[in-house]
Amino acid sequence: MENKTNLRALRHRYHISLAALAAHAGLSKQYVSRVELGEIAATPLLEAQMASAIEFVIAARKTELRSLEENYMNDKGRLLREEEHPNEQRGRGV
């Protein structure tokens, strides 16, 4: 039976990709996976790297959600009409 850290549980619960978390932590996917499984000893530096990566994802998602809300409010009442500016990119995922 594999060990599961709080980090792994959060990542799965909130659909954060291993690649995104690793990129924001400045680590490889393989390394982060081993960290999540408890195969690599926790250190204060590693805890800080993982916290920083999660905080980056949270901030990015807040920005994305604000953009979604703004775009929705602009389109409210016209949601089923043809898009007015189809070549314009609005809102980007994280």
PDB file of N, CA and C in Angstrom:
ATOM      1  N   MET A   1       0.849  -1.188   0.000  1.00  0.00           N
ATOM      2  CA  MET A   1       0.000   0.000   0.000  1.00  0.00           C
ATOM      3  C   MET A   1       0.891   1.246   0.000  1.00  0.00           C
ATOM      4  N   GLU A   2       0.587   2.177  -0.872  1.00  0.00           N
ATOM      5  CA  GLU A   2       1.422   3.370  -0.982  1.00  0.00           C
ATOM      6  C   GLU A   2       1.026   4.422   0.043  1.00  0.00           C
ATOM      7  N   ASN A   3       2.031   5.157   0.510  1.00  0.00           N
ATOM      8  CA  ASN A   3       1.774   6.296   1.385  1.00  0.00           C
ATOM      9  C   ASN A   3       1.273   7.441   0.518  1.00  0.00           C
ATOM     10  N   LYS A   4       0.458   8.277   1.098  1.00  0.00           N
ATOM     11  CA  LYS A   4      -0.059   9.414   0.349  1.00  0.00           C
ATOM     12  C   LYS A   4       0.050  10.645   1.232  1.00  0.00           C
ATOM     13  N   THR A   5       0.775  11.635   0.763  1.00  0.00           N
ATOM     14  CA  THR A   5       0.942  12.870   1.521  1.00  0.00           C
ATOM     15  C   THR A   5      -0.261  13.792   1.311  1.00  0.00           C
ATOM     16  N   ASN A   6      -0.366  14.783   2.174  1.00  0.00           N
ATOM     17  CA  ASN A   6      -1.408  15.801   2.008  1.00  0.00           C
ATOM     18  C   ASN A   6      -1.253  16.502   0.665  1.00  0.00           C
ATOM     19  N   LEU A   7      -0.020  16.682   0.232  1.00  0.00           N
ATOM     20  CA  LEU A   7       0.238  17.326  -1.061  1.00  0.00           C
ATOM     21  C   LEU A   7      -0.419  16.536  -2.187  1.00  0.00           C
ATOM     22  N   ARG A   8      -0.209  15.241  -2.203  1.00  0.00           N
ATOM     23  CA  ARG A   8      -0.792  14.403  -3.259  1.00  0.00           C
ATOM     24  C   ARG A   8      -2.321  14.442  -3.197  1.00  0.00           C
ATOM     25  N   ALA A   9      -2.863  14.375  -1.975  1.00  0.00           N
ATOM     26  CA  ALA A   9      -4.319  14.423  -1.820  1.00  0.00           C
ATOM     27  C   ALA A   9      -4.875  15.744  -2.362  1.00  0.00           C
ATOM     28  N   LEU A  10      -4.223  16.867  -2.030  1.00  0.00           N
ATOM     29  CA  LEU A  10      -4.660  18.171  -2.544  1.00  0.00           C
ATOM     30  C   LEU A  10      -4.578  18.222  -4.062  1.00  0.00           C
ATOM     31  N   ARG A  11      -3.459  17.736  -4.584  1.00  0.00           N
ATOM     32  CA  ARG A  11      -3.261  17.777  -6.037  1.00  0.00           C
ATOM     33  C   ARG A  11      -4.351  16.991  -6.756  1.00  0.00           C
ATOM     34  N   HIS A  12      -4.664  15.825  -6.253  1.00  0.00           N
ATOM     35  CA  HIS A  12      -5.709  15.014  -6.884  1.00  0.00           C
ATOM     36  C   HIS A  12      -7.090  15.628  -6.685  1.00  0.00           C
ATOM     37  N   ARG A  13      -7.376  16.075  -5.474  1.00  0.00           N
ATOM     38  CA  ARG A  13      -8.694  16.631  -5.168  1.00  0.00           C
ATOM     39  C   ARG A  13      -9.003  17.852  -6.025  1.00  0.00           C
ATOM     40  N   TYR A  14      -7.984  18.665  -6.283  1.00  0.00           N
ATOM     41  CA  TYR A  14      -8.201  19.913  -7.023  1.00  0.00           C
ATOM     42  C   TYR A  14      -7.660  19.870  -8.449  1.00  0.00           C
ATOM     43  N   HIS A  15      -7.406  18.675  -8.935  1.00  0.00           N
ATOM     44  CA  HIS A  15      -7.040  18.455 -10.338  1.00  0.00           C
ATOM     45  C   HIS A  15      -5.847  19.314 -10.777  1.00  0.00           C
ATOM     46  N   ILE A  16      -4.808  19.287  -9.975  1.00  0.00           N
ATOM     47  CA  ILE A  16      -3.564  19.975 -10.315  1.00  0.00           C
ATOM     48  C   ILE A  16      -2.655  18.927 -10.936  1.00  0.00           C
ATOM     49  N   SER A  17      -2.194  19.172 -12.135  1.00  0.00           N
ATOM     50  CA  SER A  17      -1.360  18.177 -12.785  1.00  0.00           C
ATOM     51  C   SER A  17       0.007  18.099 -12.114  1.00  0.00           C
ATOM     52  N   LEU A  18       0.575  16.922 -12.180  1.00  0.00           N
ATOM     53  CA  LEU A  18       1.920  16.719 -11.652  1.00  0.00           C
ATOM     54  C   LEU A  18       2.906  17.616 -12.393  1.00  0.00           C
ATOM     55  N   ALA A  19       2.709  17.744 -13.697  1.00  0.00           N
ATOM     56  CA  ALA A  19       3.601  18.584 -14.511  1.00  0.00           C
ATOM     57  C   ALA A  19       3.542  20.044 -14.068  1.00  0.00           C
ATOM     58  N   ALA A  20       2.341  20.549 -13.811  1.00  0.00           N
ATOM     59  CA  ALA A  20       2.202  21.949 -13.379  1.00  0.00           C
ATOM     60  C   ALA A  20       2.846  22.162 -12.023  1.00  0.00           C
ATOM     61  N   LEU A  21       2.584  21.259 -11.096  1.00  0.00           N
ATOM     62  CA  LEU A  21       3.158  21.395  -9.763  1.00  0.00           C
ATOM     63  C   LEU A  21       4.681  21.343  -9.824  1.00  0.00           C
ATOM     64  N   ALA A  22       5.203  20.408 -10.586  1.00  0.00           N
ATOM     65  CA  ALA A  22       6.656  20.268 -10.716  1.00  0.00           C
ATOM     66  C   ALA A  22       7.273  21.521 -11.339  1.00  0.00           C
ATOM     67  N   ALA A  23       6.643  22.024 -12.381  1.00  0.00           N
ATOM     68  CA  ALA A  23       7.167  23.218 -13.056  1.00  0.00           C
ATOM     69  C   ALA A  23       7.214  24.409 -12.104  1.00  0.00           C
ATOM     70  N   HIS A  24       6.155  24.595 -11.330  1.00  0.00           N
ATOM     71  CA  HIS A  24       6.104  25.732 -10.411  1.00  0.00           C
ATOM     72  C   HIS A  24       7.043  25.549  -9.221  1.00  0.00           C
ATOM     73  N   ALA A  25       7.387  24.306  -8.923  1.00  0.00           N
ATOM     74  CA  ALA A  25       8.322  24.036  -7.825  1.00  0.00           C
ATOM     75  C   ALA A  25       9.770  24.042  -8.311  1.00  0.00           C
ATOM     76  N   GLY A  26       9.958  24.024  -9.638  1.00  0.00           N
ATOM     77  CA  GLY A  26      11.309  23.974 -10.196  1.00  0.00           C
ATOM     78  C   GLY A  26      11.947  22.608 -10.038  1.00  0.00           C
ATOM     79  N   LEU A  27      11.107  21.573 -10.064  1.00  0.00           N
ATOM     80  CA  LEU A  27      11.585  20.203  -9.879  1.00  0.00           C
ATOM     81  C   LEU A  27      11.042  19.322 -11.004  1.00  0.00           C
ATOM     82  N   SER A  28      11.591  18.127 -11.143  1.00  0.00           N
ATOM     83  CA  SER A  28      11.088  17.205 -12.163  1.00  0.00           C
ATOM     84  C   SER A  28       9.807  16.539 -11.675  1.00  0.00           C
ATOM     85  N   LYS A  29       9.004  16.059 -12.622  1.00  0.00           N
ATOM     86  CA  LYS A  29       7.773  15.347 -12.277  1.00  0.00           C
ATOM     87  C   LYS A  29       8.089  14.103 -11.450  1.00  0.00           C
ATOM     88  N   GLN A  30       9.154  13.404 -11.834  1.00  0.00           N
ATOM     89  CA  GLN A  30       9.523  12.184 -11.123  1.00  0.00           C
ATOM     90  C   GLN A  30       9.875  12.487  -9.665  1.00  0.00           C
ATOM     91  N   TYR A  31      10.598  13.568  -9.461  1.00  0.00           N
ATOM     92  CA  TYR A  31      11.005  13.944  -8.110  1.00  0.00           C
ATOM     93  C   TYR A  31       9.781  14.298  -7.268  1.00  0.00           C
ATOM     94  N   VAL A  32       8.886  15.106  -7.817  1.00  0.00           N
ATOM     95  CA  VAL A  32       7.680  15.501  -7.091  1.00  0.00           C
ATOM     96  C   VAL A  32       6.825  14.276  -6.783  1.00  0.00           C
ATOM     97  N   SER A  33       6.721  13.349  -7.714  1.00  0.00           N
ATOM     98  CA  SER A  33       5.964  12.131  -7.480  1.00  0.00           C
ATOM     99  C   SER A  33       6.540  11.355  -6.300  1.00  0.00           C
ATOM    100  N   ARG A  34       7.843  11.246  -6.260  1.00  0.00           N
ATOM    101  CA  ARG A  34       8.494  10.542  -5.150  1.00  0.00           C
ATOM    102  C   ARG A  34       8.292  11.288  -3.830  1.00  0.00           C
ATOM    103  N   VAL A  35       8.296  12.604  -3.884  1.00  0.00           N
ATOM    104  CA  VAL A  35       8.035  13.413  -2.691  1.00  0.00           C
ATOM    105  C   VAL A  35       6.619  13.124  -2.193  1.00  0.00           C
ATOM    106  N   GLU A  36       5.652  13.156  -3.120  1.00  0.00           N
ATOM    107  CA  GLU A  36       4.252  12.918  -2.771  1.00  0.00           C
ATOM    108  C   GLU A  36       4.025  11.539  -2.154  1.00  0.00           C
ATOM    109  N   LEU A  37       4.799  10.585  -2.588  1.00  0.00           N
ATOM    110  CA  LEU A  37       4.642   9.220  -2.086  1.00  0.00           C
ATOM    111  C   LEU A  37       5.445   8.975  -0.818  1.00  0.00           C
ATOM    112  N   GLY A  38       6.126  10.004  -0.342  1.00  0.00           N
ATOM    113  CA  GLY A  38       6.895   9.874   0.887  1.00  0.00           C
ATOM    114  C   GLY A  38       8.205   9.133   0.721  1.00  0.00           C
ATOM    115  N   GLU A  39       8.650   8.978  -0.529  1.00  0.00           N
ATOM    116  CA  GLU A  39       9.901   8.276  -0.803  1.00  0.00           C
ATOM    117  C   GLU A  39      11.116   9.161  -0.595  1.00  0.00           C
ATOM    118  N   ILE A  40      10.901  10.457  -0.553  1.00  0.00           N
ATOM    119  CA  ILE A  40      11.975  11.422  -0.331  1.00  0.00           C
ATOM    120  C   ILE A  40      11.666  12.140   0.980  1.00  0.00           C
ATOM    121  N   ALA A  41      12.656  12.215   1.828  1.00  0.00           N
ATOM    122  CA  ALA A  41      12.473  12.815   3.153  1.00  0.00           C
ATOM    123  C   ALA A  41      12.082  14.289   3.046  1.00  0.00           C
ATOM    124  N   ALA A  42      11.118  14.668   3.864  1.00  0.00           N
ATOM    125  CA  ALA A  42      10.676  16.062   3.906  1.00  0.00           C
ATOM    126  C   ALA A  42      11.738  16.914   4.583  1.00  0.00           C
ATOM    127  N   THR A  43      11.993  18.065   3.995  1.00  0.00           N
ATOM    128  CA  THR A  43      12.906  19.045   4.582  1.00  0.00           C
ATOM    129  C   THR A  43      12.184  20.389   4.579  1.00  0.00           C
ATOM    130  N   PRO A  44      12.630  21.324   5.391  1.00  0.00           N
ATOM    131  CA  PRO A  44      11.999  22.655   5.366  1.00  0.00           C
ATOM    132  C   PRO A  44      12.064  23.292   3.973  1.00  0.00           C
ATOM    133  N   LEU A  45      13.175  23.114   3.269  1.00  0.00           N
ATOM    134  CA  LEU A  45      13.305  23.679   1.925  1.00  0.00           C
ATOM    135  C   LEU A  45      12.300  23.040   0.967  1.00  0.00           C
ATOM    136  N   LEU A  46      12.176  21.727   1.017  1.00  0.00           N
ATOM    137  CA  LEU A  46      11.246  21.025   0.143  1.00  0.00           C
ATOM    138  C   LEU A  46       9.805  21.411   0.462  1.00  0.00           C
ATOM    139  N   GLU A  47       9.482  21.521   1.732  1.00  0.00           N
ATOM    140  CA  GLU A  47       8.138  21.965   2.150  1.00  0.00           C
ATOM    141  C   GLU A  47       7.857  23.362   1.591  1.00  0.00           C
ATOM    142  N   ALA A  48       8.848  24.241   1.655  1.00  0.00           N
ATOM    143  CA  ALA A  48       8.686  25.609   1.139  1.00  0.00           C
ATOM    144  C   ALA A  48       8.496  25.610  -0.377  1.00  0.00           C
ATOM    145  N   GLN A  49       9.235  24.766  -1.088  1.00  0.00           N
ATOM    146  CA  GLN A  49       9.093  24.683  -2.544  1.00  0.00           C
ATOM    147  C   GLN A  49       7.696  24.211  -2.929  1.00  0.00           C
ATOM    148  N   MET A  50       7.216  23.199  -2.232  1.00  0.00           N
ATOM    149  CA  MET A  50       5.888  22.667  -2.541  1.00  0.00           C
ATOM    150  C   MET A  50       4.800  23.683  -2.174  1.00  0.00           C
ATOM    151  N   ALA A  51       4.966  24.358  -1.050  1.00  0.00           N
ATOM    152  CA  ALA A  51       3.998  25.386  -0.642  1.00  0.00           C
ATOM    153  C   ALA A  51       3.954  26.512  -1.666  1.00  0.00           C
ATOM    154  N   SER A  52       5.117  26.932  -2.122  1.00  0.00           N
ATOM    155  CA  SER A  52       5.189  27.999  -3.110  1.00  0.00           C
ATOM    156  C   SER A  52       4.501  27.589  -4.414  1.00  0.00           C
ATOM    157  N   ALA A  53       4.697  26.349  -4.821  1.00  0.00           N
ATOM    158  CA  ALA A  53       4.072  25.854  -6.052  1.00  0.00           C
ATOM    159  C   ALA A  53       2.550  25.833  -5.913  1.00  0.00           C
ATOM    160  N   ILE A  54       2.045  25.347  -4.785  1.00  0.00           N
ATOM    161  CA  ILE A  54       0.597  25.312  -4.559  1.00  0.00           C
ATOM    162  C   ILE A  54       0.040  26.734  -4.507  1.00  0.00           C
ATOM    163  N   GLU A  55       0.745  27.639  -3.841  1.00  0.00           N
ATOM    164  CA  GLU A  55       0.288  29.028  -3.757  1.00  0.00           C
ATOM    165  C   GLU A  55       0.243  29.682  -5.129  1.00  0.00           C
ATOM    166  N   PHE A  56       1.187  29.334  -6.003  1.00  0.00           N
ATOM    167  CA  PHE A  56       1.171  29.855  -7.368  1.00  0.00           C
ATOM    168  C   PHE A  56      -0.083  29.374  -8.094  1.00  0.00           C
ATOM    169  N   VAL A  57      -0.403  28.094  -7.958  1.00  0.00           N
ATOM    170  CA  VAL A  57      -1.596  27.535  -8.606  1.00  0.00           C
ATOM    171  C   VAL A  57      -2.856  28.224  -8.079  1.00  0.00           C
ATOM    172  N   ILE A  58      -2.923  28.437  -6.778  1.00  0.00           N
ATOM    173  CA  ILE A  58      -4.080  29.114  -6.182  1.00  0.00           C
ATOM    174  C   ILE A  58      -4.231  30.521  -6.775  1.00  0.00           C
ATOM    175  N   ALA A  59      -3.139  31.264  -6.826  1.00  0.00           N
ATOM    176  CA  ALA A  59      -3.184  32.629  -7.366  1.00  0.00           C
ATOM    177  C   ALA A  59      -3.607  32.624  -8.833  1.00  0.00           C
ATOM    178  N   ALA A  60      -3.064  31.690  -9.607  1.00  0.00           N
ATOM    179  CA  ALA A  60      -3.405  31.617 -11.027  1.00  0.00           C
ATOM    180  C   ALA A  60      -4.879  31.272 -11.220  1.00  0.00           C
ATOM    181  N   ARG A  61      -5.372  30.368 -10.402  1.00  0.00           N
ATOM    182  CA  ARG A  61      -6.782  29.997 -10.519  1.00  0.00           C
ATOM    183  C   ARG A  61      -7.704  31.138 -10.098  1.00  0.00           C
ATOM    184  N   LYS A  62      -7.302  31.923  -9.111  1.00  0.00           N
ATOM    185  CA  LYS A  62      -8.099  33.086  -8.718  1.00  0.00           C
ATOM    186  C   LYS A  62      -8.177  34.067  -9.884  1.00  0.00           C
ATOM    187  N   THR A  63      -7.051  34.288 -10.547  1.00  0.00           N
ATOM    188  CA  THR A  63      -7.008  35.190 -11.696  1.00  0.00           C
ATOM    189  C   THR A  63      -7.903  34.667 -12.812  1.00  0.00           C
ATOM    190  N   GLU A  64      -7.816  33.369 -13.059  1.00  0.00           N
ATOM    191  CA  GLU A  64      -8.629  32.757 -14.104  1.00  0.00           C
ATOM    192  C   GLU A  64     -10.116  32.864 -13.758  1.00  0.00           C
ATOM    193  N   LEU A  65     -10.457  32.651 -12.502  1.00  0.00           N
ATOM    194  CA  LEU A  65     -11.850  32.735 -12.079  1.00  0.00           C
ATOM    195  C   LEU A  65     -12.384  34.161 -12.199  1.00  0.00           C
ATOM    196  N   ARG A  66     -11.556  35.153 -11.853  1.00  0.00           N
ATOM    197  CA  ARG A  66     -11.979  36.552 -12.018  1.00  0.00           C
ATOM    198  C   ARG A  66     -12.227  36.858 -13.495  1.00  0.00           C
ATOM    199  N   SER A  67     -11.360  36.333 -14.358  1.00  0.00           N
ATOM    200  CA  SER A  67     -11.531  36.543 -15.791  1.00  0.00           C
ATOM    201  C   SER A  67     -12.816  35.881 -16.293  1.00  0.00           C
ATOM    202  N   LEU A  68     -13.077  34.675 -15.815  1.00  0.00           N
ATOM    203  CA  LEU A  68     -14.313  33.992 -16.181  1.00  0.00           C
ATOM    204  C   LEU A  68     -15.523  34.802 -15.750  1.00  0.00           C
ATOM    205  N   GLU A  69     -15.480  35.310 -14.520  1.00  0.00           N
ATOM    206  CA  GLU A  69     -16.601  36.096 -14.012  1.00  0.00           C
ATOM    207  C   GLU A  69     -16.810  37.352 -14.856  1.00  0.00           C
ATOM    208  N   GLU A  70     -15.715  38.021 -15.202  1.00  0.00           N
ATOM    209  CA  GLU A  70     -15.813  39.233 -16.015  1.00  0.00           C
ATOM    210  C   GLU A  70     -16.389  38.917 -17.392  1.00  0.00           C
ATOM    211  N   ASN A  71     -15.889  37.863 -18.022  1.00  0.00           N
ATOM    212  CA  ASN A  71     -16.395  37.478 -19.338  1.00  0.00           C
ATOM    213  C   ASN A  71     -17.857  37.063 -19.271  1.00  0.00           C
ATOM    214  N   TYR A  72     -18.212  36.346 -18.219  1.00  0.00           N
ATOM    215  CA  TYR A  72     -19.611  35.945 -18.045  1.00  0.00           C
ATOM    216  C   TYR A  72     -20.508  37.169 -17.918  1.00  0.00           C
ATOM    217  N   MET A  73     -20.102  38.124 -17.096  1.00  0.00           N
ATOM    218  CA  MET A  73     -20.921  39.320 -16.894  1.00  0.00           C
ATOM    219  C   MET A  73     -21.072  40.086 -18.205  1.00  0.00           C
ATOM    220  N   ASN A  74     -20.040  40.101 -19.024  1.00  0.00           N
ATOM    221  CA  ASN A  74     -20.124  40.770 -20.331  1.00  0.00           C
ATOM    222  C   ASN A  74     -21.092  40.056 -21.271  1.00  0.00           C
ATOM    223  N   ASP A  75     -21.220  38.741 -21.123  1.00  0.00           N
ATOM    224  CA  ASP A  75     -22.056  37.944 -22.021  1.00  0.00           C
ATOM    225  C   ASP A  75     -23.416  37.576 -21.421  1.00  0.00           C
ATOM    226  N   LYS A  76     -23.629  37.925 -20.167  1.00  0.00           N
ATOM    227  CA  LYS A  76     -24.868  37.556 -19.484  1.00  0.00           C
ATOM    228  C   LYS A  76     -26.063  38.108 -20.257  1.00  0.00           C
ATOM    229  N   GLY A  77     -27.037  37.253 -20.473  1.00  0.00           N
ATOM    230  CA  GLY A  77     -28.217  37.641 -21.245  1.00  0.00           C
ATOM    231  C   GLY A  77     -28.042  37.370 -22.728  1.00  0.00           C
ATOM    232  N   ARG A  78     -26.826  37.009 -23.119  1.00  0.00           N
ATOM    233  CA  ARG A  78     -26.536  36.726 -24.534  1.00  0.00           C
ATOM    234  C   ARG A  78     -25.723  35.449 -24.662  1.00  0.00           C
ATOM    235  N   LEU A  79     -25.829  34.568 -23.704  1.00  0.00           N
ATOM    236  CA  LEU A  79     -24.991  33.372 -23.676  1.00  0.00           C
ATOM    237  C   LEU A  79     -25.199  32.457 -24.877  1.00  0.00           C
ATOM    238  N   LEU A  80     -26.388  32.430 -25.411  1.00  0.00           N
ATOM    239  CA  LEU A  80     -26.678  31.509 -26.500  1.00  0.00           C
ATOM    240  C   LEU A  80     -26.602  32.171 -27.875  1.00  0.00           C
ATOM    241  N   ARG A  81     -26.117  33.386 -27.906  1.00  0.00           N
ATOM    242  CA  ARG A  81     -25.909  34.069 -29.186  1.00  0.00           C
ATOM    243  C   ARG A  81     -24.532  33.723 -29.724  1.00  0.00           C
ATOM    244  N   GLU A  82     -24.369  33.949 -31.033  1.00  0.00           N
ATOM    245  CA  GLU A  82     -23.072  33.699 -31.660  1.00  0.00           C
ATOM    246  C   GLU A  82     -22.023  34.616 -31.044  1.00  0.00           C
ATOM    247  N   GLU A  83     -20.850  34.081 -30.872  1.00  0.00           N
ATOM    248  CA  GLU A  83     -19.756  34.848 -30.278  1.00  0.00           C
ATOM    249  C   GLU A  83     -19.456  36.059 -31.150  1.00  0.00           C
ATOM    250  N   GLU A  84     -19.295  37.203 -30.495  1.00  0.00           N
ATOM    251  CA  GLU A  84     -19.097  38.449 -31.231  1.00  0.00           C
ATOM    252  C   GLU A  84     -17.680  38.606 -31.761  1.00  0.00           C
ATOM    253  N   HIS A  85     -16.699  38.095 -31.045  1.00  0.00           N
ATOM    254  CA  HIS A  85     -15.299  38.226 -31.445  1.00  0.00           C
ATOM    255  C   HIS A  85     -14.629  36.852 -31.372  1.00  0.00           C
ATOM    256  N   PRO A  86     -14.936  35.953 -32.315  1.00  0.00           N
ATOM    257  CA  PRO A  86     -14.470  34.577 -32.226  1.00  0.00           C
ATOM    258  C   PRO A  86     -12.945  34.407 -32.271  1.00  0.00           C
ATOM    259  N   ASN A  87     -12.211  35.350 -32.829  1.00  0.00           N
ATOM    260  CA  ASN A  87     -10.745  35.225 -32.908  1.00  0.00           C
ATOM    261  C   ASN A  87     -10.040  35.742 -31.671  1.00  0.00           C
ATOM    262  N   GLU A  88     -10.768  36.405 -30.812  1.00  0.00           N
ATOM    263  CA  GLU A  88     -10.192  36.965 -29.587  1.00  0.00           C
ATOM    264  C   GLU A  88     -10.149  35.870 -28.523  1.00  0.00           C
ATOM    265  N   GLN A  89      -8.983  35.656 -27.928  1.00  0.00           N
ATOM    266  CA  GLN A  89      -8.873  34.662 -26.859  1.00  0.00           C
ATOM    267  C   GLN A  89      -9.204  35.313 -25.547  1.00  0.00           C
ATOM    268  N   ARG A  90     -10.107  34.695 -24.817  1.00  0.00           N
ATOM    269  CA  ARG A  90     -10.489  35.209 -23.517  1.00  0.00           C
ATOM    270  C   ARG A  90     -10.286  34.106 -22.494  1.00  0.00           C
ATOM    271  N   GLY A  91      -9.727  34.444 -21.354  1.00  0.00           N
ATOM    272  CA  GLY A  91      -9.546  33.473 -20.274  1.00  0.00           C
ATOM    273  C   GLY A  91      -8.643  32.336 -20.681  1.00  0.00           C
ATOM    274  N   ARG A  92      -7.613  32.081 -19.925  1.00  0.00           N
ATOM    275  CA  ARG A  92      -6.697  30.987 -20.233  1.00  0.00           C
ATOM    276  C   ARG A  92      -6.580  30.094 -19.028  1.00  0.00           C
ATOM    277  N   GLY A  93      -6.489  28.785 -19.258  1.00  0.00           N
ATOM    278  CA  GLY A  93      -6.357  27.811 -18.174  1.00  0.00           C
ATOM    279  C   GLY A  93      -4.969  27.762 -17.586  1.00  0.00           C
ATOM    280  N   VAL A  94      -4.890  27.156 -16.401  1.00  0.00           N
ATOM    281  CA  VAL A  94      -3.606  26.981 -15.715  1.00  0.00           C
ATOM    282  C   VAL A  94      -3.266  25.530 -15.667  1.00  0.00           C
TER     283      VAL A  94
END
